[in-house]
Amino acid sequence: MADFKFEIVKNIAVLSENAKGWTKEFNLVSWNERPAKYDIREWSPDHKMMGKGVTLTEEEVGLIIKGLNENK
């Protein structure tokens, strides 16, 4: 697997924590020095390892918020 770089630009929210201390987080993350995107995934306590996740653009997050607001 090729090396890649990441930087958590902003921690937005911790959504949950499992028994091993890994946290599911909603963050703004820059991947390979590209513009940051919104990201939901599990992180190890030191943020050096991560699980599979979902990366979203600002537009996609806006559509999720809109959909949630319309279905209250």
C-alpha atoms as a PDB file:
ATOM      1  CA  MET A   1       0.000   0.000   0.000  1.00  0.00           C
ATOM      2  CA  ALA A   2       1.365   3.421  -0.911  1.00  0.00           C
ATOM      3  CA  ASP A   3       2.159   5.933   1.804  1.00  0.00           C
ATOM      4  CA  PHE A   4      -0.220   8.800   2.244  1.00  0.00           C
ATOM      5  CA  LYS A   5      -0.324  11.900   4.401  1.00  0.00           C
ATOM      6  CA  PHE A   6      -3.174  13.199   6.451  1.00  0.00           C
ATOM      7  CA  GLU A   7      -3.762  16.098   8.787  1.00  0.00           C
ATOM      8  CA  ILE A   8      -6.774  16.545  11.031  1.00  0.00           C
ATOM      9  CA  VAL A   9      -7.394  20.236  10.395  1.00  0.00           C
ATOM     10  CA  LYS A  10     -10.334  20.538  12.803  1.00  0.00           C
ATOM     11  CA  ASN A  11     -11.933  18.160  15.302  1.00  0.00           C
ATOM     12  CA  ILE A  12     -15.668  18.794  15.018  1.00  0.00           C
ATOM     13  CA  ALA A  13     -17.199  16.067  17.213  1.00  0.00           C
ATOM     14  CA  VAL A  14     -16.513  12.729  18.874  1.00  0.00           C
ATOM     15  CA  LEU A  15     -19.553  10.588  18.077  1.00  0.00           C
ATOM     16  CA  SER A  16     -18.723   7.510  20.180  1.00  0.00           C
ATOM     17  CA  GLU A  17     -15.940   5.541  21.847  1.00  0.00           C
ATOM     18  CA  ASN A  18     -15.469   1.764  21.935  1.00  0.00           C
ATOM     19  CA  ALA A  19     -14.045  -0.418  24.721  1.00  0.00           C
ATOM     20  CA  LYS A  20     -10.530  -0.256  23.224  1.00  0.00           C
ATOM     21  CA  GLY A  21     -10.495   3.546  23.278  1.00  0.00           C
ATOM     22  CA  TRP A  22     -10.991   4.083  19.547  1.00  0.00           C
ATOM     23  CA  THR A  23     -13.315   6.990  18.806  1.00  0.00           C
ATOM     24  CA  LYS A  24     -15.690   7.547  15.911  1.00  0.00           C
ATOM     25  CA  GLU A  25     -15.143  11.174  14.927  1.00  0.00           C
ATOM     26  CA  PHE A  26     -16.467  13.841  12.593  1.00  0.00           C
ATOM     27  CA  ASN A  27     -13.454  15.886  11.480  1.00  0.00           C
ATOM     28  CA  LEU A  28     -12.149  18.143   8.752  1.00  0.00           C
ATOM     29  CA  VAL A  29      -9.182  16.228   7.262  1.00  0.00           C
ATOM     30  CA  SER A  30      -6.626  17.068   4.590  1.00  0.00           C
ATOM     31  CA  TRP A  31      -5.533  13.967   2.649  1.00  0.00           C
ATOM     32  CA  ASN A  32      -2.195  14.072   0.797  1.00  0.00           C
ATOM     33  CA  GLU A  33      -1.914  17.845   1.273  1.00  0.00           C
ATOM     34  CA  ARG A  34      -5.143  18.472  -0.644  1.00  0.00           C
ATOM     35  CA  PRO A  35      -7.929  20.801   0.523  1.00  0.00           C
ATOM     36  CA  ALA A  36      -9.599  19.460   3.650  1.00  0.00           C
ATOM     37  CA  LYS A  37     -12.860  17.498   3.438  1.00  0.00           C
ATOM     38  CA  TYR A  38     -15.325  16.388   6.073  1.00  0.00           C
ATOM     39  CA  ASP A  39     -14.630  12.902   7.334  1.00  0.00           C
ATOM     40  CA  ILE A  40     -16.343  10.315   9.551  1.00  0.00           C
ATOM     41  CA  ARG A  41     -14.239   7.345  10.723  1.00  0.00           C
ATOM     42  CA  GLU A  42     -12.807   5.589  13.767  1.00  0.00           C
ATOM     43  CA  TRP A  43      -9.424   6.706  15.108  1.00  0.00           C
ATOM     44  CA  SER A  44      -6.997   5.123  17.541  1.00  0.00           C
ATOM     45  CA  PRO A  45      -6.442   7.079  20.764  1.00  0.00           C
ATOM     46  CA  ASP A  46      -3.189   8.607  19.390  1.00  0.00           C
ATOM     47  CA  HIS A  47      -4.728   9.336  15.945  1.00  0.00           C
ATOM     48  CA  LYS A  48      -1.930   7.396  14.200  1.00  0.00           C
ATOM     49  CA  MET A  49      -4.206   4.572  13.002  1.00  0.00           C
ATOM     50  CA  MET A  50      -7.660   4.781  11.491  1.00  0.00           C
ATOM     51  CA  GLY A  51     -10.502   2.592  10.347  1.00  0.00           C
ATOM     52  CA  LYS A  52     -12.429   2.789   7.111  1.00  0.00           C
ATOM     53  CA  GLY A  53     -14.539   5.874   6.808  1.00  0.00           C
ATOM     54  CA  VAL A  54     -16.516   8.235   4.656  1.00  0.00           C
ATOM     55  CA  THR A  55     -15.156  11.487   3.227  1.00  0.00           C
ATOM     56  CA  LEU A  56     -17.635  14.192   2.260  1.00  0.00           C
ATOM     57  CA  THR A  57     -17.438  17.519   0.460  1.00  0.00           C
ATOM     58  CA  GLU A  58     -18.960  20.635   2.001  1.00  0.00           C
ATOM     59  CA  GLU A  59     -21.823  20.348  -0.515  1.00  0.00           C
ATOM     60  CA  GLU A  60     -22.536  16.740   0.542  1.00  0.00           C
ATOM     61  CA  VAL A  61     -22.591  17.698   4.226  1.00  0.00           C
ATOM     62  CA  GLY A  62     -25.008  20.513   3.345  1.00  0.00           C
ATOM     63  CA  LEU A  63     -27.320  18.033   1.613  1.00  0.00           C
ATOM     64  CA  ILE A  64     -27.251  15.751   4.663  1.00  0.00           C
ATOM     65  CA  ILE A  65     -28.130  18.668   6.948  1.00  0.00           C
ATOM     66  CA  LYS A  66     -30.902  19.753   4.597  1.00  0.00           C
ATOM     67  CA  GLY A  67     -32.305  16.224   4.464  1.00  0.00           C
ATOM     68  CA  LEU A  68     -32.245  15.876   8.239  1.00  0.00           C
ATOM     69  CA  ASN A  69     -33.982  19.241   8.716  1.00  0.00           C
ATOM     70  CA  GLU A  70     -36.696  18.325   6.197  1.00  0.00           C
ATOM     71  CA  ASN A  71     -37.412  15.006   7.911  1.00  0.00           C
ATOM     72  CA  LYS A  72     -37.767  16.145  11.533  1.00  0.00           C
END
